[in-house]
Amino acid sequence: MKNSESNALIRLTKSEVEMVINSLQFTEEAAEHFDASTSFIYKIKNDFRKVLNSIIEGEKNIETRNQTKKENRNGPQTCKRCDDW
């Protein structure tokens, strides 16, 4: 079944995603105080947490690749002329 609802692609920084999560947390707490439904807030907050976790995982992967490249550049290299001595 196709979803007939429109969607949008939104670019957010890691800190913006964190601010959205914090805002949703405050909204959820306020809604509970007034006995309002929080199920939609909980779902959106969890979706943003998944996005944040993906960002963090991506940053870790980039750091690992950069560290590997750095180690490869700084690692011992053999020199045929030097090895012949």
N, C-alpha and C. Protein backbone atom coordinates (compact mmCIF):
# COMPACT_ATOMS: atom_id res chain seq x y z
N MET A 1 0.84 -1.17 0.00
CA MET A 1 0.00 0.00 0.00
C MET A 1 0.89 1.24 0.00
N LYS A 2 0.64 2.13 -0.91
CA LYS A 2 1.40 3.36 -1.01
C LYS A 2 0.85 4.40 -0.05
N ASN A 3 1.77 5.14 0.55
CA ASN A 3 1.37 6.22 1.43
C ASN A 3 1.10 7.46 0.58
N SER A 4 -0.10 7.99 0.65
CA SER A 4 -0.46 9.15 -0.17
C SER A 4 -0.04 10.46 0.49
N GLU A 5 0.55 10.37 1.66
CA GLU A 5 0.98 11.57 2.38
C GLU A 5 2.27 12.11 1.78
N SER A 6 2.34 13.41 1.65
CA SER A 6 3.56 14.04 1.14
C SER A 6 4.65 14.00 2.20
N ASN A 7 5.89 14.10 1.75
CA ASN A 7 6.99 14.13 2.70
C ASN A 7 8.03 15.14 2.23
N ALA A 8 8.96 15.45 3.13
CA ALA A 8 9.99 16.44 2.81
C ALA A 8 11.33 15.97 3.34
N LEU A 9 12.37 16.36 2.66
CA LEU A 9 13.73 16.08 3.10
C LEU A 9 14.25 17.34 3.77
N ILE A 10 14.64 17.22 5.04
CA ILE A 10 15.09 18.38 5.80
C ILE A 10 16.51 18.11 6.27
N ARG A 11 17.40 19.07 6.04
CA ARG A 11 18.79 18.94 6.47
C ARG A 11 18.95 19.63 7.82
N LEU A 12 19.42 18.88 8.81
CA LEU A 12 19.66 19.42 10.13
C LEU A 12 21.06 19.02 10.59
N THR A 13 21.69 19.89 11.36
CA THR A 13 22.98 19.54 11.95
C THR A 13 22.74 18.67 13.17
N LYS A 14 23.81 18.09 13.66
CA LYS A 14 23.72 17.25 14.86
C LYS A 14 23.15 18.06 16.02
N SER A 15 23.63 19.28 16.21
CA SER A 15 23.15 20.10 17.33
C SER A 15 21.68 20.47 17.15
N GLU A 16 21.24 20.68 15.92
CA GLU A 16 19.82 20.97 15.68
C GLU A 16 18.95 19.77 16.02
N VAL A 17 19.41 18.58 15.68
CA VAL A 17 18.66 17.36 16.01
C VAL A 17 18.58 17.23 17.53
N GLU A 18 19.68 17.51 18.23
CA GLU A 18 19.68 17.45 19.69
C GLU A 18 18.69 18.46 20.28
N MET A 19 18.62 19.66 19.70
CA MET A 19 17.67 20.67 20.18
C MET A 19 16.22 20.23 19.96
N VAL A 20 15.96 19.59 18.84
CA VAL A 20 14.61 19.09 18.56
C VAL A 20 14.24 18.03 19.60
N ILE A 21 15.16 17.13 19.89
CA ILE A 21 14.89 16.09 20.89
C ILE A 21 14.59 16.72 22.25
N ASN A 22 15.40 17.71 22.64
CA ASN A 22 15.16 18.39 23.92
C ASN A 22 13.80 19.08 23.94
N SER A 23 13.46 19.74 22.84
CA SER A 23 12.16 20.42 22.75
C SER A 23 11.01 19.43 22.85
N LEU A 24 11.16 18.31 22.18
CA LEU A 24 10.13 17.28 22.24
C LEU A 24 10.00 16.70 23.65
N GLN A 25 11.12 16.59 24.34
CA GLN A 25 11.08 16.10 25.72
C GLN A 25 10.30 17.07 26.61
N PHE A 26 10.58 18.37 26.47
CA PHE A 26 9.84 19.37 27.24
C PHE A 26 8.35 19.36 26.89
N THR A 27 8.05 19.21 25.61
CA THR A 27 6.66 19.16 25.16
C THR A 27 5.95 17.95 25.74
N GLU A 28 6.65 16.82 25.74
CA GLU A 28 6.08 15.59 26.28
C GLU A 28 5.78 15.74 27.77
N GLU A 29 6.74 16.33 28.50
CA GLU A 29 6.53 16.53 29.94
C GLU A 29 5.38 17.49 30.21
N ALA A 30 5.26 18.54 29.42
CA ALA A 30 4.15 19.49 29.59
C ALA A 30 2.82 18.82 29.28
N ALA A 31 2.79 18.01 28.23
CA ALA A 31 1.55 17.32 27.86
C ALA A 31 1.11 16.37 28.97
N GLU A 32 2.06 15.68 29.58
CA GLU A 32 1.73 14.77 30.68
C GLU A 32 1.16 15.55 31.86
N HIS A 33 1.68 16.74 32.10
CA HIS A 33 1.21 17.58 33.20
C HIS A 33 -0.26 17.95 33.00
N PHE A 34 -0.65 18.12 31.75
CA PHE A 34 -2.03 18.50 31.43
C PHE A 34 -2.87 17.30 30.99
N ASP A 35 -2.36 16.09 31.24
CA ASP A 35 -3.05 14.85 30.88
C ASP A 35 -3.42 14.78 29.40
N ALA A 36 -2.57 15.31 28.56
CA ALA A 36 -2.79 15.24 27.11
C ALA A 36 -2.07 14.02 26.55
N SER A 37 -2.47 13.60 25.39
CA SER A 37 -1.86 12.45 24.75
C SER A 37 -0.42 12.79 24.34
N THR A 38 0.49 11.85 24.61
CA THR A 38 1.90 12.05 24.26
C THR A 38 2.41 11.01 23.27
N SER A 39 1.54 10.16 22.77
CA SER A 39 2.00 9.07 21.91
C SER A 39 2.66 9.59 20.63
N PHE A 40 2.11 10.64 20.02
CA PHE A 40 2.71 11.17 18.80
C PHE A 40 4.06 11.83 19.09
N ILE A 41 4.17 12.49 20.23
CA ILE A 41 5.44 13.13 20.62
C ILE A 41 6.50 12.06 20.85
N TYR A 42 6.13 11.00 21.54
CA TYR A 42 7.05 9.90 21.83
C TYR A 42 7.59 9.29 20.54
N LYS A 43 6.70 9.09 19.56
CA LYS A 43 7.11 8.50 18.28
C LYS A 43 8.09 9.41 17.55
N ILE A 44 7.78 10.70 17.47
CA ILE A 44 8.65 11.65 16.78
C ILE A 44 10.00 11.74 17.50
N LYS A 45 9.97 11.79 18.83
CA LYS A 45 11.21 11.88 19.60
C LYS A 45 12.09 10.66 19.36
N ASN A 46 11.49 9.49 19.31
CA ASN A 46 12.27 8.27 19.04
C ASN A 46 12.84 8.27 17.63
N ASP A 47 12.09 8.80 16.67
CA ASP A 47 12.60 8.91 15.30
C ASP A 47 13.83 9.82 15.27
N PHE A 48 13.75 10.95 15.97
CA PHE A 48 14.89 11.86 16.01
C PHE A 48 16.08 11.25 16.76
N ARG A 49 15.81 10.44 17.76
CA ARG A 49 16.91 9.74 18.45
C ARG A 49 17.61 8.78 17.51
N LYS A 50 16.85 8.11 16.66
CA LYS A 50 17.45 7.21 15.66
C LYS A 50 18.32 8.01 14.69
N VAL A 51 17.83 9.18 14.28
CA VAL A 51 18.61 10.03 13.39
C VAL A 51 19.90 10.45 14.08
N LEU A 52 19.81 10.87 15.35
CA LEU A 52 21.00 11.28 16.10
C LEU A 52 21.99 10.13 16.22
N ASN A 53 21.50 8.94 16.52
CA ASN A 53 22.39 7.77 16.62
C ASN A 53 23.07 7.48 15.29
N SER A 54 22.36 7.67 14.18
CA SER A 54 22.96 7.48 12.86
C SER A 54 24.06 8.50 12.60
N ILE A 55 23.82 9.74 13.01
CA ILE A 55 24.82 10.79 12.85
C ILE A 55 26.07 10.44 13.66
N ILE A 56 25.88 10.04 14.90
CA ILE A 56 27.00 9.69 15.78
C ILE A 56 27.78 8.51 15.20
N GLU A 57 27.07 7.51 14.72
CA GLU A 57 27.72 6.33 14.12
C GLU A 57 28.51 6.74 12.87
N GLY A 58 27.94 7.62 12.07
CA GLY A 58 28.64 8.11 10.88
C GLY A 58 29.90 8.87 11.25
N GLU A 59 29.83 9.68 12.31
CA GLU A 59 31.02 10.41 12.77
C GLU A 59 32.12 9.44 13.23
N LYS A 60 31.71 8.39 13.93
CA LYS A 60 32.68 7.39 14.39
C LYS A 60 33.35 6.70 13.20
N ASN A 61 32.55 6.37 12.19
CA ASN A 61 33.10 5.71 11.00
C ASN A 61 34.10 6.61 10.29
N ILE A 62 33.78 7.89 10.18
CA ILE A 62 34.69 8.84 9.54
C ILE A 62 35.98 8.96 10.33
N GLU A 63 35.87 9.04 11.67
CA GLU A 63 37.07 9.13 12.51
C GLU A 63 37.95 7.90 12.35
N THR A 64 37.32 6.72 12.30
CA THR A 64 38.06 5.47 12.15
C THR A 64 38.79 5.45 10.81
N ARG A 65 38.11 5.85 9.73
CA ARG A 65 38.74 5.88 8.42
C ARG A 65 39.90 6.88 8.38
N ASN A 66 39.69 8.05 8.98
CA ASN A 66 40.75 9.06 9.00
C ASN A 66 41.95 8.57 9.80
N GLN A 67 41.70 7.90 10.92
CA GLN A 67 42.79 7.37 11.74
C GLN A 67 43.56 6.30 10.98
N THR A 68 42.85 5.44 10.26
CA THR A 68 43.49 4.39 9.47
C THR A 68 44.36 5.00 8.38
N LYS A 69 43.84 6.02 7.69
CA LYS A 69 44.63 6.69 6.66
C LYS A 69 45.88 7.33 7.26
N LYS A 70 45.73 7.94 8.42
CA LYS A 70 46.87 8.59 9.08
C LYS A 70 47.92 7.55 9.47
N GLU A 71 47.47 6.41 10.01
CA GLU A 71 48.40 5.35 10.39
C GLU A 71 49.11 4.80 9.17
N ASN A 72 48.38 4.65 8.07
CA ASN A 72 48.99 4.14 6.85
C ASN A 72 50.04 5.10 6.31
N ARG A 73 49.79 6.40 6.42
CA ARG A 73 50.75 7.40 5.96
C ARG A 73 51.99 7.44 6.85
N ASN A 74 51.80 7.22 8.14
CA ASN A 74 52.90 7.31 9.10
C ASN A 74 53.55 5.96 9.40
N GLY A 75 53.03 4.89 8.83
CA GLY A 75 53.54 3.56 9.10
C GLY A 75 54.89 3.33 8.43
N PRO A 76 55.58 2.28 8.87
CA PRO A 76 56.89 1.98 8.27
C PRO A 76 56.73 1.57 6.81
N GLN A 77 57.57 2.14 5.99
CA GLN A 77 57.55 1.80 4.57
C GLN A 77 58.92 1.25 4.20
N THR A 78 58.90 0.26 3.34
CA THR A 78 60.17 -0.33 2.93
C THR A 78 60.73 0.43 1.74
N CYS A 79 62.01 0.54 1.75
CA CYS A 79 62.71 1.23 0.66
C CYS A 79 63.62 0.20 0.02
N LYS A 80 63.40 -0.11 -1.25
CA LYS A 80 64.19 -1.14 -1.91
C LYS A 80 65.67 -0.80 -1.89
N ARG A 81 65.99 0.45 -2.12
CA ARG A 81 67.41 0.83 -2.12
C ARG A 81 68.02 0.64 -0.73
N CYS A 82 67.24 1.01 0.31
CA CYS A 82 67.77 0.89 1.68
C CYS A 82 67.87 -0.56 2.12
N ASP A 83 66.91 -1.39 1.67
CA ASP A 83 66.90 -2.79 2.05
C ASP A 83 68.06 -3.56 1.41
N ASP A 84 68.61 -3.05 0.32
CA ASP A 84 69.70 -3.73 -0.37
C ASP A 84 71.02 -3.60 0.37
N TRP A 85 71.16 -2.66 1.26
CA TRP A 85 72.44 -2.42 1.93
C TRP A 85 72.78 -3.54 2.82
